[in-house]
């Protein structure tokens, strides 16, 4: 039976032949055994094992040998394919491995495009990009294609089609305008040119701004939104005049009315941008993921150090009812009531890898409910509950004999909840002051630092140590920040110079 594969069980067909030859099973009985193994149904497997052992004894096979053979085919049959399918899968596996090894950016870009509706898989793919040294850049009106694209061998650019609430027609208009006239230099320029191509929806442009696609023009999204009405109104008038064949005396403007918006600059608005939390909220809402940062990242070290938390995506490796400790941000809370009228809480918890459902029964809801609020960073102790997800996908998977009989849904039954934010605030009070040393000649760096700290709300005042030709001066800003080490390390990398540029006293 195993001559073709040199004594190694490779194909599902071989498992069926083994139980026929040794256990005396008919072809139908062998298939029943395969199904039982594929579904991990212990009751049916035990019944089939009894029949197999009985048949083996009748054929003169020693009990120990029969037991050993069954032990070898039992785990194998849980994930096996027939010969024809195995050959096809082997070819696909080899081709995929070749692409990933030799063209990692192209392969991972295509993978994210295929997974665009599956947030968890996109997040996992981005993590794989980081592991392989491939950078994933956010969407940009001047750089992005419709789909995920490769800027260079180590860089993937987010596609415009991945932005929610922005359809194909608006994206076609953007790409056509860019192809005809080159890069967009301002929001006014963008509106004038895309209106001429048929993109006249202000709400779509608003989504593009919130998604950060104009970061190459300005990083201040609130300022862009402040002038959006003027820009779209002028663009609409210009498009209308062009259609009517109206031109100015000089022939370079559709009408004098359109000049009203010319010269509207971002700096003139003097608008403070959205907070870091708000910007990340836009990212999650419109891209489906946190791409440039994650609200949980500043707390990861504290969660691991103090609570020994595991990553949420690691829960799939747990056993049913295993004690677990996970940490993350609460993204949704739903209150339900028992038949007795007692309150329970159904919570969604998210970390940088995935999200998980957490059930707080009546006693836990009453004791720890004060911590269970949206956007709170918490550590949850409980036990992992495994439930088999029944559906067409599971049935199809089982037919092939793989995947353990379909996917398993995991949730956590909470026994304790701790909030992490108070500890961060205590660290603020202890740290007192955050200092950043910058060169007075670089206003760009000053602006970058201010933008980075904006939204990092906390209890510690931010000071700039400004170096000038005549000496060093200390300036206290109005910003109160949180001196989280993970975040500060990011600022240090941005500035260079390590601890000499950013420190806490």
Protein backbone atom coordinates (compact mmCIF):
# COMPACT_ATOMS: atom_id res chain seq x y z
CA UNK A 1 0.00 0.00 0.00
CA UNK A 2 2.84 2.39 0.89
CA UNK A 3 5.37 1.22 -1.72
CA UNK A 4 4.72 4.24 -3.94
CA UNK A 5 5.58 6.62 -1.08
CA UNK A 6 8.47 4.63 0.42
CA UNK A 7 6.61 3.46 3.51
CA UNK A 8 5.23 6.88 4.43
CA UNK A 9 1.50 7.62 4.61
CA UNK A 10 0.94 10.55 2.25
CA UNK A 11 -2.49 10.24 0.65
CA UNK A 12 -5.97 9.87 2.08
CA UNK A 13 -6.50 6.95 -0.29
CA UNK A 14 -3.78 5.05 1.58
CA UNK A 15 -5.57 5.45 4.90
CA UNK A 16 -8.72 3.94 3.41
CA UNK A 17 -6.76 1.00 1.96
CA UNK A 18 -4.95 0.35 5.27
CA UNK A 19 -8.15 -0.01 7.29
CA UNK A 20 -9.60 -2.19 4.53
CA UNK A 21 -6.56 -4.49 4.42
CA UNK A 22 -5.92 -4.72 8.17
CA UNK A 23 -9.29 -4.06 9.76
CA UNK A 24 -11.42 -5.73 7.10
CA UNK A 25 -13.45 -2.59 6.48
CA UNK A 26 -15.58 -2.20 3.42
CA UNK A 27 -15.01 0.93 1.32
CA UNK A 28 -18.11 2.46 2.90
CA UNK A 29 -16.92 1.68 6.44
CA UNK A 30 -13.49 3.12 5.65
CA UNK A 31 -15.06 6.39 4.52
CA UNK A 32 -17.14 6.56 7.72
CA UNK A 33 -13.90 6.23 9.72
CA UNK A 34 -12.30 8.99 7.66
CA UNK A 35 -15.24 11.32 8.30
CA UNK A 36 -15.17 10.58 12.04
CA UNK A 37 -11.45 11.36 12.16
CA UNK A 38 -11.85 14.52 10.11
CA UNK A 39 -14.54 15.82 12.46
CA UNK A 40 -12.60 14.78 15.59
CA UNK A 41 -15.72 13.00 16.85
CA UNK A 42 -14.35 10.92 19.74
CA UNK A 43 -17.51 8.83 20.20
CA UNK A 44 -17.64 7.64 16.57
CA UNK A 45 -13.87 7.21 16.41
CA UNK A 46 -13.96 4.88 19.42
CA UNK A 47 -16.74 2.85 17.81
CA UNK A 48 -14.74 2.58 14.58
CA UNK A 49 -11.59 1.66 16.47
CA UNK A 50 -13.37 -1.24 18.18
CA UNK A 51 -14.54 -2.52 14.78
CA UNK A 52 -11.04 -2.04 13.32
CA UNK A 53 -9.32 -3.91 16.17
CA UNK A 54 -11.83 -6.75 15.94
CA UNK A 55 -11.24 -7.09 12.18
CA UNK A 56 -7.46 -7.00 12.66
CA UNK A 57 -7.58 -9.78 15.27
CA UNK A 58 -9.67 -11.94 12.94
CA UNK A 59 -6.97 -11.50 10.27
CA UNK A 60 -4.22 -12.61 12.61
CA UNK A 61 -2.67 -9.18 13.17
CA UNK A 62 -1.13 -8.82 16.62
CA UNK A 63 -3.03 -6.45 18.88
CA UNK A 64 0.04 -4.31 19.59
CA UNK A 65 0.80 -3.93 15.87
CA UNK A 66 -2.82 -3.11 15.00
CA UNK A 67 -2.91 -0.55 17.82
CA UNK A 68 0.31 1.04 16.58
CA UNK A 69 -0.94 1.33 12.99
CA UNK A 70 -4.23 2.86 14.11
CA UNK A 71 -2.27 5.35 16.22
CA UNK A 72 -0.32 6.41 13.12
CA UNK A 73 -3.31 6.90 10.84
CA UNK A 74 -5.52 8.56 13.47
CA UNK A 75 -3.83 12.02 13.52
CA UNK A 76 -2.90 11.81 9.82
CA UNK A 77 -6.46 11.26 8.64
CA UNK A 78 -7.51 14.44 10.42
CA UNK A 79 -5.80 16.42 7.68
CA UNK A 80 -5.22 14.51 4.47
CA UNK A 81 -6.06 14.68 0.78
CA UNK A 82 -6.54 12.16 -1.96
CA UNK A 83 -3.67 11.66 -4.39
CA UNK A 84 -4.98 13.84 -7.22
CA UNK A 85 -5.75 16.76 -4.91
CA UNK A 86 -2.47 16.38 -3.01
CA UNK A 87 -0.48 16.77 -6.25
CA UNK A 88 -2.36 19.96 -7.13
CA UNK A 89 -1.95 21.38 -3.63
CA UNK A 90 1.78 20.56 -3.69
CA UNK A 91 2.18 22.52 -6.93
CA UNK A 92 0.28 25.50 -5.53
CA UNK A 93 2.33 25.35 -2.30
CA UNK A 94 5.60 25.31 -4.26
CA UNK A 95 4.55 28.19 -6.52
CA UNK A 96 3.37 30.22 -3.53
CA UNK A 97 6.61 29.60 -1.63
CA UNK A 98 8.62 30.63 -4.71
CA UNK A 99 6.69 33.90 -5.06
CA UNK A 100 6.99 34.73 -1.36
CA UNK A 101 10.74 33.97 -1.33
CA UNK A 102 11.61 35.86 -4.52
CA UNK A 103 8.89 38.52 -4.84
CA UNK A 104 7.73 39.14 -1.25
CA UNK A 105 6.26 42.62 -1.79
CA UNK A 106 4.29 41.61 -4.90
CA UNK A 107 3.05 38.43 -3.24
CA UNK A 108 1.99 40.11 0.01
CA UNK A 109 0.31 42.99 -1.87
CA UNK A 110 -1.77 40.47 -3.83
CA UNK A 111 -2.56 38.62 -0.60
CA UNK A 112 -3.85 41.77 1.12
CA UNK A 113 -5.96 42.54 -1.93
CA UNK A 114 -7.54 39.09 -1.69
CA UNK A 115 -8.12 39.48 2.07
CA UNK A 116 -9.40 43.07 1.98
CA UNK A 117 -12.76 42.08 3.53
CA UNK A 118 -11.10 40.02 6.29
CA UNK A 119 -9.58 42.44 8.79
CA UNK A 120 -7.81 39.80 10.87
CA UNK A 121 -6.06 38.32 7.83
CA UNK A 122 -5.01 41.76 6.57
CA UNK A 123 -3.54 42.53 10.01
CA UNK A 124 -1.69 39.20 10.02
CA UNK A 125 -0.36 39.89 6.51
CA UNK A 126 0.90 43.33 7.57
CA UNK A 127 2.69 41.67 10.49
CA UNK A 128 4.29 39.29 8.01
CA UNK A 129 5.35 42.32 5.95
CA UNK A 130 7.08 43.76 9.02
CA UNK A 131 8.82 40.43 9.68
CA UNK A 132 10.14 40.37 6.11
CA UNK A 133 11.19 44.02 6.15
CA UNK A 134 8.45 45.16 3.76
CA UNK A 135 6.92 48.55 4.60
CA UNK A 136 3.18 49.09 4.13
CA UNK A 137 2.47 52.77 3.42
CA UNK A 138 -0.97 54.38 3.85
CA UNK A 139 -3.14 55.38 0.86
CA UNK A 140 -2.18 58.56 -0.99
CA UNK A 141 -3.94 60.48 -3.77
CA UNK A 142 -0.59 61.06 -5.47
CA UNK A 143 0.92 57.58 -5.08
CA UNK A 144 -1.78 54.93 -4.70
CA UNK A 145 -3.25 52.82 -7.48
CA UNK A 146 -6.75 51.38 -7.22
CA UNK A 147 -5.43 48.11 -5.75
CA UNK A 148 -2.53 47.44 -3.40
CA UNK A 149 0.61 48.22 -5.37
CA UNK A 150 4.37 47.83 -5.05
CA UNK A 151 6.36 51.09 -4.94
CA UNK A 152 9.70 49.28 -4.76
CA UNK A 153 10.91 45.78 -3.75
CA UNK A 154 10.49 46.64 -0.05
CA UNK A 155 7.40 48.88 -0.10
CA UNK A 156 3.67 48.23 -0.56
CA UNK A 157 1.24 51.11 -1.03
CA UNK A 158 -2.33 50.81 0.26
CA UNK A 159 -4.85 50.89 -2.59
CA UNK A 160 -7.58 53.52 -2.89
CA UNK A 161 -10.17 50.77 -3.40
CA UNK A 162 -9.46 49.63 0.17
CA UNK A 163 -10.94 52.86 1.56
CA UNK A 164 -14.51 52.33 2.70
CA UNK A 165 -17.29 54.51 1.24
CA UNK A 166 -15.16 55.34 -1.83
CA UNK A 167 -16.32 53.48 -4.91
CA UNK A 168 -14.75 52.58 -8.24
CA UNK A 169 -16.09 55.58 -10.19
CA UNK A 170 -14.51 58.21 -7.89
CA UNK A 171 -11.20 56.33 -7.92
CA UNK A 172 -11.27 56.15 -11.73
CA UNK A 173 -11.79 59.92 -11.80
CA UNK A 174 -8.81 60.49 -9.47
CA UNK A 175 -6.50 58.24 -11.47
CA UNK A 176 -7.59 59.80 -14.78
CA UNK A 177 -7.01 63.34 -13.46
CA UNK A 178 -3.60 62.33 -12.12
CA UNK A 179 -2.63 60.70 -15.41
CA UNK A 180 -3.63 63.80 -17.39
CA UNK A 181 -2.20 66.51 -15.14
CA UNK A 182 0.37 64.90 -12.89
CA UNK A 183 0.54 65.12 -9.10
CA UNK A 184 -2.00 67.11 -7.10
CA UNK A 185 -0.38 70.08 -5.34
CA UNK A 186 -3.26 71.23 -3.13
CA UNK A 187 -6.82 70.39 -2.18
CA UNK A 188 -8.02 73.15 -4.52
CA UNK A 189 -6.04 71.64 -7.39
CA UNK A 190 -7.42 68.20 -6.58
CA UNK A 191 -11.05 69.37 -6.49
CA UNK A 192 -10.77 71.35 -9.73
CA UNK A 193 -9.30 68.42 -11.64
CA UNK A 194 -11.43 65.56 -10.29
CA UNK A 195 -14.64 67.59 -10.70
CA UNK A 196 -13.72 67.89 -14.38
CA UNK A 197 -13.54 64.07 -14.49
CA UNK A 198 -16.92 63.56 -12.83
CA UNK A 199 -16.03 63.20 -9.13
CA UNK A 200 -18.31 65.83 -7.61
CA UNK A 201 -19.17 64.20 -4.27
CA UNK A 202 -17.97 66.27 -1.32
CA UNK A 203 -18.61 63.35 1.05
CA UNK A 204 -16.23 61.12 -0.93
CA UNK A 205 -13.48 63.75 -0.78
CA UNK A 206 -14.14 64.09 2.96
CA UNK A 207 -13.59 60.34 3.36
CA UNK A 208 -10.33 60.62 1.40
CA UNK A 209 -9.15 63.42 3.69
CA UNK A 210 -10.05 61.53 6.86
CA UNK A 211 -8.30 58.43 5.55
CA UNK A 212 -5.08 60.45 5.32
CA UNK A 213 -4.68 60.32 1.54
CA UNK A 214 -3.63 64.00 1.45
CA UNK A 215 -0.78 63.56 3.95
CA UNK A 216 1.72 64.25 1.16
CA UNK A 217 0.14 67.70 0.75
CA UNK A 218 -0.46 68.47 4.43
CA UNK A 219 -0.74 66.36 7.58
CA UNK A 220 -3.42 68.63 9.07
CA UNK A 221 -6.67 66.90 8.19
CA UNK A 222 -8.90 69.26 10.16
CA UNK A 223 -7.50 72.22 8.20
CA UNK A 224 -8.29 70.45 4.92
CA UNK A 225 -11.85 69.78 6.06
CA UNK A 226 -12.21 73.45 7.02
CA UNK A 227 -11.53 74.61 3.45
CA UNK A 228 -13.29 71.70 1.72
CA UNK A 229 -16.57 73.59 1.24
CA UNK A 230 -14.79 76.51 -0.45
CA UNK A 231 -12.72 74.21 -2.67
CA UNK A 232 -15.65 72.08 -3.82
CA UNK A 233 -17.88 75.12 -4.38
CA UNK A 234 -15.23 76.76 -6.55
CA UNK A 235 -14.57 73.51 -8.40
CA UNK A 236 -18.29 73.08 -9.06
CA UNK A 237 -18.53 76.60 -10.48
CA UNK A 238 -15.45 76.00 -12.60
CA UNK A 239 -16.81 72.73 -13.97
CA UNK A 240 -20.15 74.39 -14.73
CA UNK A 241 -18.49 77.32 -16.51
CA UNK A 242 -16.24 75.00 -18.52
CA UNK A 243 -19.24 73.00 -19.62
CA UNK A 244 -20.98 76.21 -20.67
CA UNK A 245 -17.88 77.34 -22.57
CA UNK A 246 -17.26 80.39 -20.35
CA UNK A 247 -13.67 81.58 -19.96
CA UNK A 248 -12.04 84.64 -18.49
CA UNK A 249 -10.39 87.40 -20.48
CA UNK A 250 -7.04 85.66 -20.10
CA UNK A 251 -8.42 82.23 -20.88
CA UNK A 252 -6.79 80.54 -17.90
CA UNK A 253 -9.72 80.42 -15.48
CA UNK A 254 -13.31 79.24 -15.98
CA UNK A 255 -14.68 82.38 -14.31
CA UNK A 256 -13.80 85.14 -11.86
CA UNK A 257 -15.92 83.49 -9.17
CA UNK A 258 -13.50 80.60 -9.11
CA UNK A 259 -10.74 82.96 -8.02
CA UNK A 260 -12.43 83.36 -4.63
CA UNK A 261 -10.85 80.18 -3.39
CA UNK A 262 -7.42 80.72 -4.96
CA UNK A 263 -4.74 81.30 -2.38
CA UNK A 264 -6.68 79.64 0.44
CA UNK A 265 -3.77 78.08 2.31
CA UNK A 266 -3.70 75.60 5.13
CA UNK A 267 -1.49 77.81 7.29
CA UNK A 268 -4.02 80.67 7.18
CA UNK A 269 -6.62 78.54 8.91
CA UNK A 270 -4.36 78.06 11.98
CA UNK A 271 -6.44 75.01 12.85
CA UNK A 272 -5.31 72.45 15.42
CA UNK A 273 -5.43 68.98 13.92
CA UNK A 274 -7.43 66.07 15.30
CA UNK A 275 -5.98 64.19 18.27
CA UNK A 276 -4.00 61.00 17.78
CA UNK A 277 -6.98 59.00 19.02
CA UNK A 278 -9.33 60.68 16.53
CA UNK A 279 -6.92 60.12 13.63
CA UNK A 280 -6.59 56.44 14.51
CA UNK A 281 -10.38 56.28 14.75
CA UNK A 282 -10.66 57.55 11.17
CA UNK A 283 -8.09 54.97 10.09
CA UNK A 284 -10.03 52.12 11.68
CA UNK A 285 -13.35 53.37 10.33
CA UNK A 286 -12.21 53.91 6.74
CA UNK A 287 -9.43 51.34 6.25
CA UNK A 288 -10.88 48.67 8.53
CA UNK A 289 -7.56 48.42 10.39
CA UNK A 290 -5.10 50.51 12.36
CA UNK A 291 -2.30 50.96 9.82
CA UNK A 292 0.08 53.67 11.05
CA UNK A 293 -0.31 52.90 14.76
CA UNK A 294 -2.61 51.12 17.23
CA UNK A 295 -4.27 52.47 20.41
CA UNK A 296 -3.10 49.39 22.32
CA UNK A 297 0.59 49.69 21.35
CA UNK A 298 1.55 52.20 24.09
CA UNK A 299 0.20 49.76 26.69
CA UNK A 300 1.56 46.46 25.34
CA UNK A 301 4.67 46.43 27.52
CA UNK A 302 2.72 47.20 30.68
CA UNK A 303 0.11 44.55 29.88
CA UNK A 304 2.79 41.91 29.36
CA UNK A 305 4.90 42.99 32.34
CA UNK A 306 2.15 43.32 34.91
CA UNK A 307 -0.45 40.82 33.71
CA UNK A 308 1.57 38.36 31.56
CA UNK A 309 -0.99 38.67 28.78
CA UNK A 310 -0.96 36.59 25.61
CA UNK A 311 -1.76 37.85 22.12
CA UNK A 312 -5.39 37.39 21.11
CA UNK A 313 -4.38 35.56 17.93
CA UNK A 314 -2.60 32.99 20.14
CA UNK A 315 -5.93 31.89 21.65
CA UNK A 316 -6.44 29.53 18.72
CA UNK A 317 -3.62 27.42 20.17
CA UNK A 318 -5.36 27.02 23.54
CA UNK A 319 -7.29 24.02 24.83
CA UNK A 320 -11.00 24.22 25.74
CA UNK A 321 -11.49 25.73 29.23
CA UNK A 322 -7.79 26.64 29.51
CA UNK A 323 -7.06 29.57 31.84
CA UNK A 324 -5.97 32.60 29.80
CA UNK A 325 -5.02 36.24 30.29
CA UNK A 326 -5.52 38.66 27.40
CA UNK A 327 -5.25 42.41 27.16
CA UNK A 328 -6.43 45.07 24.77
CA UNK A 329 -8.94 47.82 24.07
CA UNK A 330 -12.68 47.40 24.49
CA UNK A 331 -14.28 48.26 21.15
CA UNK A 332 -17.90 47.28 21.83
CA UNK A 333 -20.13 46.53 24.82
CA UNK A 334 -23.58 44.98 24.66
CA UNK A 335 -25.82 44.56 27.70
CA UNK A 336 -28.11 41.53 27.87
CA UNK A 337 -30.45 40.35 30.60
CA UNK A 338 -31.08 36.85 31.90
CA UNK A 339 -34.56 35.39 32.42
CA UNK A 340 -34.26 36.51 36.04
CA UNK A 341 -33.61 40.08 34.87
CA UNK A 342 -29.94 40.07 35.86
CA UNK A 343 -27.41 41.95 33.74
CA UNK A 344 -24.67 40.34 31.63
CA UNK A 345 -22.12 42.04 29.40
CA UNK A 346 -21.00 40.89 25.95
CA UNK A 347 -17.71 42.60 25.15
CA UNK A 348 -15.44 42.82 22.10
CA UNK A 349 -11.76 43.11 23.02
CA UNK A 350 -9.08 44.02 20.46
CA UNK A 351 -5.29 44.03 20.52
CA UNK A 352 -2.77 44.60 17.73
CA UNK A 353 -3.32 41.09 16.32
CA UNK A 354 -7.05 40.31 16.42
CA UNK A 355 -10.27 40.71 18.39
CA UNK A 356 -12.16 38.33 20.65
CA UNK A 357 -15.56 38.10 22.29
CA UNK A 358 -15.59 38.27 26.10
CA UNK A 359 -18.61 37.20 28.15
CA UNK A 360 -19.10 38.73 31.61
CA UNK A 361 -21.72 36.82 33.56
CA UNK A 362 -23.84 38.53 36.22
CA UNK A 363 -21.37 38.40 39.13
CA UNK A 364 -18.40 39.58 37.03
CA UNK A 365 -20.51 42.28 35.35
CA UNK A 366 -21.51 43.64 38.76
CA UNK A 367 -17.98 43.53 40.19
CA UNK A 368 -15.96 44.80 37.23
CA UNK A 369 -18.58 46.58 35.10
CA UNK A 370 -17.09 49.98 35.97
CA UNK A 371 -14.05 49.11 33.82
CA UNK A 372 -16.11 47.79 30.91
CA UNK A 373 -16.50 50.89 28.74
CA UNK A 374 -15.61 51.51 25.07
CA UNK A 375 -11.96 52.47 24.43
CA UNK A 376 -10.82 51.33 27.89
CA UNK A 377 -7.53 49.40 27.97
CA UNK A 378 -8.03 46.32 30.13
CA UNK A 379 -6.55 42.96 31.08
CA UNK A 380 -9.04 40.08 31.17
CA UNK A 381 -8.50 36.86 33.10
CA UNK A 382 -10.78 33.96 32.22
CA UNK A 383 -11.05 30.67 30.42
CA UNK A 384 -11.09 29.94 26.71
CA UNK A 385 -14.37 28.54 25.43
CA UNK A 386 -14.26 26.69 22.11
CA UNK A 387 -17.34 26.38 19.92
CA UNK A 388 -17.46 24.67 16.55
CA UNK A 389 -18.74 27.00 13.86
CA UNK A 390 -21.22 25.10 11.70
CA UNK A 391 -21.66 26.16 8.09
CA UNK A 392 -21.01 25.39 4.43
CA UNK A 393 -17.33 26.18 4.82
CA UNK A 394 -16.95 23.65 7.59
CA UNK A 395 -18.83 20.99 5.65
CA UNK A 396 -16.71 21.49 2.56
CA UNK A 397 -13.54 21.35 4.61
CA UNK A 398 -14.62 18.10 6.28
CA UNK A 399 -15.40 16.48 2.94
CA UNK A 400 -11.69 16.75 2.16
CA UNK A 401 -10.88 15.35 5.55
CA UNK A 402 -9.08 18.46 6.76
CA UNK A 403 -9.26 21.31 9.20
CA UNK A 404 -10.60 19.32 12.11
CA UNK A 405 -14.20 19.41 10.92
CA UNK A 406 -14.57 23.11 10.36
CA UNK A 407 -13.46 26.28 12.13
CA UNK A 408 -13.65 26.78 15.86
CA UNK A 409 -14.94 30.01 17.36
CA UNK A 410 -13.17 31.01 20.56
CA UNK A 411 -14.37 33.40 23.21
CA UNK A 412 -13.27 34.19 26.75
CA UNK A 413 -15.47 33.70 29.81
CA UNK A 414 -14.21 36.44 32.13
CA UNK A 415 -13.40 35.87 35.80
CA UNK A 416 -11.61 39.18 36.43
CA UNK A 417 -11.04 42.48 34.62
CA UNK A 418 -8.35 45.06 35.41
CA UNK A 419 -8.08 48.48 33.80
CA UNK A 420 -4.61 49.53 32.69
CA UNK A 421 -5.13 53.29 32.22
CA UNK A 422 -4.87 54.31 35.92
CA UNK A 423 -1.34 52.85 36.03
CA UNK A 424 -0.33 54.92 33.01
CA UNK A 425 -1.67 58.04 34.72
CA UNK A 426 0.31 57.18 37.85
CA UNK A 427 3.42 56.94 35.68
CA UNK A 428 2.65 60.42 34.32
CA UNK A 429 2.50 61.88 37.82
CA UNK A 430 5.77 60.22 38.80
CA UNK A 431 7.58 61.22 35.58
CA UNK A 432 6.51 64.90 35.83
CA UNK A 433 8.24 66.34 32.74
CA UNK A 434 9.03 65.27 29.16
CA UNK A 435 11.85 67.01 27.27
CA UNK A 436 12.64 67.12 23.55
CA UNK A 437 15.85 68.72 22.25
CA UNK A 438 15.52 70.30 18.78
CA UNK A 439 17.46 72.67 16.54
CA UNK A 440 15.82 76.09 16.13
CA UNK A 441 16.73 76.11 12.43
CA UNK A 442 14.39 73.22 11.69
CA UNK A 443 10.77 74.30 11.94
CA UNK A 444 9.76 71.12 10.14
CA UNK A 445 11.16 69.02 12.99
CA UNK A 446 9.37 71.19 15.57
CA UNK A 447 6.11 70.68 13.69
CA UNK A 448 6.70 66.92 13.40
CA UNK A 449 7.34 66.61 17.14
CA UNK A 450 4.27 68.66 18.01
CA UNK A 451 2.12 66.57 15.65
CA UNK A 452 3.51 63.36 17.15
CA UNK A 453 2.72 64.37 20.74
CA UNK A 454 -0.65 65.89 19.91
CA UNK A 455 -3.28 63.38 21.00
CA UNK A 456 -0.85 61.67 23.42
CA UNK A 457 -2.87 63.14 26.30
CA UNK A 458 -1.53 62.61 29.81
CA UNK A 459 -0.37 64.32 33.00
CA UNK A 460 3.19 65.37 32.11
CA UNK A 461 4.07 68.78 30.63
CA UNK A 462 6.07 68.81 27.38
CA UNK A 463 9.19 70.98 27.17
CA UNK A 464 11.33 71.86 24.15
CA UNK A 465 15.06 72.38 24.62
CA UNK A 466 15.78 74.59 21.62
CA UNK A 467 19.37 74.85 20.41
CA UNK A 468 20.35 78.23 18.91
CA UNK A 469 23.71 79.78 17.91
CA UNK A 470 23.64 81.83 21.12
CA UNK A 471 22.80 78.94 23.46
CA UNK A 472 20.10 76.52 24.54
CA UNK A 473 16.67 77.65 25.72
CA UNK A 474 13.91 75.73 27.47
CA UNK A 475 10.33 76.40 26.37
CA UNK A 476 7.32 74.89 28.10
CA UNK A 477 4.45 74.03 25.75
CA UNK A 478 0.76 73.90 26.64
CA UNK A 479 0.66 70.18 25.87
CA UNK A 480 0.22 67.56 28.62
CA UNK A 481 1.47 64.19 27.40
CA UNK A 482 1.86 60.57 28.49
CA UNK A 483 5.54 59.48 28.72
CA UNK A 484 4.93 55.95 27.53
CA UNK A 485 8.28 54.34 26.65
CA UNK A 486 6.99 52.63 23.51
CA UNK A 487 5.74 55.95 22.16
CA UNK A 488 8.89 57.85 23.23
CA UNK A 489 11.06 55.28 21.45
CA UNK A 490 9.11 56.02 18.28
CA UNK A 491 9.81 59.76 18.64
CA UNK A 492 13.52 59.03 19.29
CA UNK A 493 13.71 57.01 16.08
CA UNK A 494 11.98 59.81 14.18
CA UNK A 495 14.49 62.41 15.46
CA UNK A 496 17.61 60.24 15.65
CA UNK A 497 20.19 60.77 18.37
CA UNK A 498 18.64 58.27 20.81
CA UNK A 499 18.09 59.36 24.41
CA UNK A 500 19.98 62.63 23.87
CA UNK A 501 16.99 64.02 21.96
CA UNK A 502 14.04 62.80 24.07
CA UNK A 503 14.06 62.11 27.81
CA UNK A 504 11.92 62.19 30.96
CA UNK A 505 12.75 63.90 34.27
